[in-house]
Amino acid sequence: MERIQQRFQAAANALKAFKKLVIIENPDDIERDEAIAALSMVDDRNLIVHTYNEEVAIKIYKNLNHHYFLLDSWLSRMAEKTE
């Protein structure tokens, strides 16, 4: 139970930090393709954490390049907004 509370607190802290960096004033700021890519990244994260399957790991490994560029794009936009 304590571990779950720690995870909730960590998630809440991350969300607060994110809100300080970026406020999405218009949902249209996020492109449809970008939202789909983000959801794919979350799916891959969930699969890799709970799956010990080499085929799944290889599939996710092949997606890492896309995930990197998506995160890099987000970080660049956050840096622009905080300057």
C-alpha atoms as a PDB file:
ATOM      1  CA  MET A   1       0.000   0.000   0.000  1.00  0.00           C
ATOM      2  CA  GLU A   2       2.832   2.395   0.852  1.00  0.00           C
ATOM      3  CA  ARG A   3       4.472   1.732  -2.507  1.00  0.00           C
ATOM      4  CA  ILE A   4       1.260   2.626  -4.328  1.00  0.00           C
ATOM      5  CA  GLN A   5       1.005   5.872  -2.358  1.00  0.00           C
ATOM      6  CA  GLN A   6       4.616   6.687  -3.282  1.00  0.00           C
ATOM      7  CA  ARG A   7       3.839   6.107  -6.953  1.00  0.00           C
ATOM      8  CA  PHE A   8       0.766   8.331  -6.783  1.00  0.00           C
ATOM      9  CA  GLN A   9       2.803  11.047  -5.086  1.00  0.00           C
ATOM     10  CA  ALA A  10       5.563  10.749  -7.700  1.00  0.00           C
ATOM     11  CA  ALA A  11       2.990  11.036 -10.483  1.00  0.00           C
ATOM     12  CA  ALA A  12       1.395  14.062  -8.823  1.00  0.00           C
ATOM     13  CA  ASN A  13       4.798  15.732  -8.456  1.00  0.00           C
ATOM     14  CA  ALA A  14       5.638  15.053 -12.102  1.00  0.00           C
ATOM     15  CA  LEU A  15       2.322  16.515 -13.214  1.00  0.00           C
ATOM     16  CA  LYS A  16       2.890  19.680 -11.139  1.00  0.00           C
ATOM     17  CA  ALA A  17       6.354  20.114 -12.662  1.00  0.00           C
ATOM     18  CA  PHE A  18       4.965  19.591 -16.164  1.00  0.00           C
ATOM     19  CA  LYS A  19       2.221  22.165 -15.598  1.00  0.00           C
ATOM     20  CA  LYS A  20       4.834  24.715 -14.549  1.00  0.00           C
ATOM     21  CA  LEU A  21       6.752  24.162 -17.782  1.00  0.00           C
ATOM     22  CA  VAL A  22       3.979  23.920 -20.324  1.00  0.00           C
ATOM     23  CA  ILE A  23       0.400  24.969 -20.276  1.00  0.00           C
ATOM     24  CA  ILE A  24      -1.494  23.707 -23.284  1.00  0.00           C
ATOM     25  CA  GLU A  25      -3.792  26.603 -23.938  1.00  0.00           C
ATOM     26  CA  ASN A  26      -5.247  25.108 -27.075  1.00  0.00           C
ATOM     27  CA  PRO A  27      -5.692  21.351 -27.576  1.00  0.00           C
ATOM     28  CA  ASP A  28      -5.014  21.956 -31.267  1.00  0.00           C
ATOM     29  CA  ASP A  29      -1.381  22.668 -30.255  1.00  0.00           C
ATOM     30  CA  ILE A  30      -0.888  18.905 -30.269  1.00  0.00           C
ATOM     31  CA  GLU A  31      -1.091  17.343 -33.697  1.00  0.00           C
ATOM     32  CA  ARG A  32      -3.171  14.205 -34.137  1.00  0.00           C
ATOM     33  CA  ASP A  33      -0.147  12.209 -35.322  1.00  0.00           C
ATOM     34  CA  GLU A  34       1.837  13.397 -32.322  1.00  0.00           C
ATOM     35  CA  ALA A  35      -0.902  12.289 -29.928  1.00  0.00           C
ATOM     36  CA  ILE A  36      -1.007   8.860 -31.572  1.00  0.00           C
ATOM     37  CA  ALA A  37       2.788   8.588 -31.310  1.00  0.00           C
ATOM     38  CA  ALA A  38       2.642   9.527 -27.634  1.00  0.00           C
ATOM     39  CA  LEU A  39       0.022   6.871 -26.941  1.00  0.00           C
ATOM     40  CA  SER A  40       2.150   4.336 -28.810  1.00  0.00           C
ATOM     41  CA  MET A  41       5.116   5.297 -26.642  1.00  0.00           C
ATOM     42  CA  VAL A  42       3.041   4.750 -23.488  1.00  0.00           C
ATOM     43  CA  ASP A  43       1.862   1.380 -24.796  1.00  0.00           C
ATOM     44  CA  ASP A  44       5.456   0.341 -25.476  1.00  0.00           C
ATOM     45  CA  ARG A  45       6.491   1.439 -21.995  1.00  0.00           C
ATOM     46  CA  ASN A  46       3.731  -0.621 -20.430  1.00  0.00           C
ATOM     47  CA  LEU A  47       4.576  -3.659 -22.547  1.00  0.00           C
ATOM     48  CA  ILE A  48       8.291  -3.585 -21.790  1.00  0.00           C
ATOM     49  CA  VAL A  49       7.729  -3.254 -18.054  1.00  0.00           C
ATOM     50  CA  HIS A  50       5.330  -6.188 -17.846  1.00  0.00           C
ATOM     51  CA  THR A  51       6.561  -8.465 -20.620  1.00  0.00           C
ATOM     52  CA  TYR A  52       9.606 -10.665 -20.761  1.00  0.00           C
ATOM     53  CA  ASN A  53       9.352 -11.603 -24.407  1.00  0.00           C
ATOM     54  CA  GLU A  54      12.201 -11.164 -26.873  1.00  0.00           C
ATOM     55  CA  GLU A  55       9.915 -10.504 -29.861  1.00  0.00           C
ATOM     56  CA  VAL A  56       8.135  -7.705 -27.991  1.00  0.00           C
ATOM     57  CA  ALA A  57      11.483  -6.266 -26.876  1.00  0.00           C
ATOM     58  CA  ILE A  58      12.759  -6.203 -30.465  1.00  0.00           C
ATOM     59  CA  LYS A  59       9.574  -4.501 -31.673  1.00  0.00           C
ATOM     60  CA  ILE A  60       9.867  -1.849 -28.974  1.00  0.00           C
ATOM     61  CA  TYR A  61      13.583  -1.393 -29.692  1.00  0.00           C
ATOM     62  CA  LYS A  62      12.704  -0.580 -33.300  1.00  0.00           C
ATOM     63  CA  ASN A  63      10.288   2.125 -32.059  1.00  0.00           C
ATOM     64  CA  LEU A  64      12.820   3.873 -29.819  1.00  0.00           C
ATOM     65  CA  ASN A  65      14.031   6.186 -32.573  1.00  0.00           C
ATOM     66  CA  HIS A  66      10.486   7.547 -33.065  1.00  0.00           C
ATOM     67  CA  HIS A  67      10.014   7.910 -29.322  1.00  0.00           C
ATOM     68  CA  TYR A  68      13.301   9.795 -29.031  1.00  0.00           C
ATOM     69  CA  PHE A  69      12.329  12.353 -31.668  1.00  0.00           C
ATOM     70  CA  LEU A  70       8.897  12.857 -30.120  1.00  0.00           C
ATOM     71  CA  LEU A  71      10.394  13.505 -26.675  1.00  0.00           C
ATOM     72  CA  ASP A  72      13.099  15.725 -28.164  1.00  0.00           C
ATOM     73  CA  SER A  73      10.441  17.784 -29.921  1.00  0.00           C
ATOM     74  CA  TRP A  74       8.461  18.189 -26.703  1.00  0.00           C
ATOM     75  CA  LEU A  75      11.548  19.193 -24.728  1.00  0.00           C
ATOM     76  CA  SER A  76      12.491  21.771 -27.356  1.00  0.00           C
ATOM     77  CA  ARG A  77       9.035  23.320 -27.240  1.00  0.00           C
ATOM     78  CA  MET A  78       9.067  23.363 -23.435  1.00  0.00           C
ATOM     79  CA  ALA A  79      12.480  25.072 -23.448  1.00  0.00           C
ATOM     80  CA  GLU A  80      11.176  27.720 -25.882  1.00  0.00           C
ATOM     81  CA  LYS A  81       8.193  28.440 -23.657  1.00  0.00           C
ATOM     82  CA  THR A  82      10.300  28.800 -20.515  1.00  0.00           C
ATOM     83  CA  GLU A  83      12.852  31.207 -22.010  1.00  0.00           C
END
